[in-house]
Amino acid sequence: MNHKLNETMTHTHTHGPWHITDEGSQIVIQTFSDHPTGTLARMYRADELAHSDARLISAAPELLEALQMLMPQEPQEADSYDRAMWDNARAAIEKATGKGEA
């Protein structure tokens, strides 16, 4: 990762990495950084769908950072497919940072 770019980004969420802990009937998403309890979310089921959801949730900080680092590379000229891709990336960043629809 390019930490120089990362230093200019502000975070309004609990810093990653986020980890998944399987507690049998529950899945817990935790951090060991700046969250007071370490527990970010608790899923009260432990089926395969819950595990898939937990993996996506735990990847959220890295996904957001990757999109934010990509945005300065947006081309000035793009065809409609590429424009839609960049618009989707921008919308995802806005949703994740509270600036768009949740």
Protein backbone atom coordinates (compact mmCIF):
# COMPACT_ATOMS: atom_id res chain seq x y z
CA MET A 1 0.00 0.00 0.00
CA ASN A 2 1.05 3.53 -0.63
CA HIS A 3 1.09 4.91 2.90
CA LYS A 4 1.95 8.40 1.67
CA LEU A 5 -1.50 8.64 0.02
CA ASN A 6 -3.07 7.01 3.06
CA GLU A 7 -1.68 9.69 5.39
CA THR A 8 -3.85 12.34 3.73
CA MET A 9 -7.07 10.36 4.24
CA THR A 10 -9.21 10.97 7.29
CA HIS A 11 -11.05 8.11 8.91
CA THR A 12 -14.41 8.53 10.56
CA HIS A 13 -14.71 4.83 11.39
CA THR A 14 -12.86 2.40 13.64
CA HIS A 15 -9.49 1.71 12.09
CA GLY A 16 -8.84 -1.74 10.66
CA PRO A 17 -7.92 -4.39 10.39
CA TRP A 18 -11.17 -5.99 11.49
CA HIS A 19 -11.16 -9.67 12.43
CA ILE A 20 -13.80 -12.40 12.50
CA THR A 21 -14.18 -14.62 15.54
CA ASP A 22 -16.50 -17.62 15.39
CA GLU A 23 -18.03 -18.23 18.81
CA GLY A 24 -20.16 -21.20 17.82
CA SER A 25 -23.67 -19.77 17.62
CA GLN A 26 -22.40 -16.24 16.98
CA ILE A 27 -19.89 -14.51 14.74
CA VAL A 28 -18.12 -11.50 16.19
CA ILE A 29 -16.35 -8.82 14.16
CA GLN A 30 -13.59 -7.26 16.24
CA THR A 31 -10.75 -4.83 16.08
CA PHE A 32 -7.71 -4.54 18.24
CA SER A 33 -7.08 -0.87 17.46
CA ASP A 34 -9.01 2.09 18.82
CA HIS A 35 -12.47 0.68 19.60
CA PRO A 36 -13.08 0.69 23.37
CA THR A 37 -14.46 -2.86 23.60
CA GLY A 38 -12.88 -4.37 20.52
CA THR A 39 -16.29 -5.68 19.37
CA LEU A 40 -17.72 -3.90 16.35
CA ALA A 41 -20.57 -6.24 15.46
CA ARG A 42 -22.11 -9.48 16.63
CA MET A 43 -24.11 -11.74 14.32
CA TYR A 44 -26.49 -14.03 16.15
CA ARG A 45 -26.26 -16.84 13.63
CA ALA A 46 -23.29 -18.76 12.32
CA ASP A 47 -24.44 -20.22 9.01
CA GLU A 48 -22.52 -19.90 5.73
CA LEU A 49 -24.44 -16.73 4.76
CA ALA A 50 -23.44 -15.10 8.07
CA HIS A 51 -19.81 -16.08 7.48
CA SER A 52 -19.97 -14.53 3.99
CA ASP A 53 -21.49 -11.34 5.41
CA ALA A 54 -18.84 -11.21 8.14
CA ARG A 55 -16.03 -11.54 5.59
CA LEU A 56 -17.46 -8.64 3.59
CA ILE A 57 -17.93 -6.48 6.68
CA SER A 58 -14.43 -7.21 7.98
CA ALA A 59 -12.94 -6.22 4.59
CA ALA A 60 -14.74 -2.84 4.62
CA PRO A 61 -11.82 -0.69 5.87
CA GLU A 62 -9.44 -2.10 3.24
CA LEU A 63 -12.04 -1.82 0.47
CA LEU A 64 -12.73 1.82 1.33
CA GLU A 65 -9.03 2.63 1.47
CA ALA A 66 -8.42 0.93 -1.89
CA LEU A 67 -11.20 2.92 -3.56
CA GLN A 68 -9.98 6.18 -2.03
CA MET A 69 -6.44 5.50 -3.25
CA LEU A 70 -7.76 4.71 -6.72
CA MET A 71 -9.79 7.91 -7.18
CA PRO A 72 -6.84 10.21 -8.03
CA GLN A 73 -6.22 7.93 -11.04
CA GLU A 74 -9.64 8.70 -12.55
CA PRO A 75 -9.15 9.66 -16.20
CA GLN A 76 -10.52 12.95 -17.49
CA GLU A 77 -11.96 11.20 -20.55
CA ALA A 78 -13.78 7.87 -20.27
CA ASP A 79 -16.33 5.90 -22.24
CA SER A 80 -19.74 5.19 -20.71
CA TYR A 81 -18.68 1.82 -19.25
CA ASP A 82 -15.60 3.29 -17.59
CA ARG A 83 -17.57 6.35 -16.44
CA ALA A 84 -20.14 4.07 -14.80
CA MET A 85 -17.33 2.21 -13.01
CA TRP A 86 -15.88 5.44 -11.62
CA ASP A 87 -19.35 6.71 -10.66
CA ASN A 88 -20.01 3.44 -8.79
CA ALA A 89 -16.70 3.73 -6.95
CA ARG A 90 -17.45 7.34 -5.97
CA ALA A 91 -20.95 6.38 -4.79
CA ALA A 92 -19.54 3.53 -2.67
CA ILE A 93 -17.06 5.92 -1.02
CA GLU A 94 -19.82 8.43 -0.35
CA LYS A 95 -22.05 5.73 1.16
CA ALA A 96 -19.23 4.43 3.36
CA THR A 97 -18.27 7.91 4.57
CA GLY A 98 -21.83 9.10 5.23
CA LYS A 99 -21.95 11.54 2.32
CA GLY A 100 -24.32 9.46 0.19
CA GLU A 101 -27.37 7.27 0.57
CA ALA A 102 -27.06 4.46 3.09
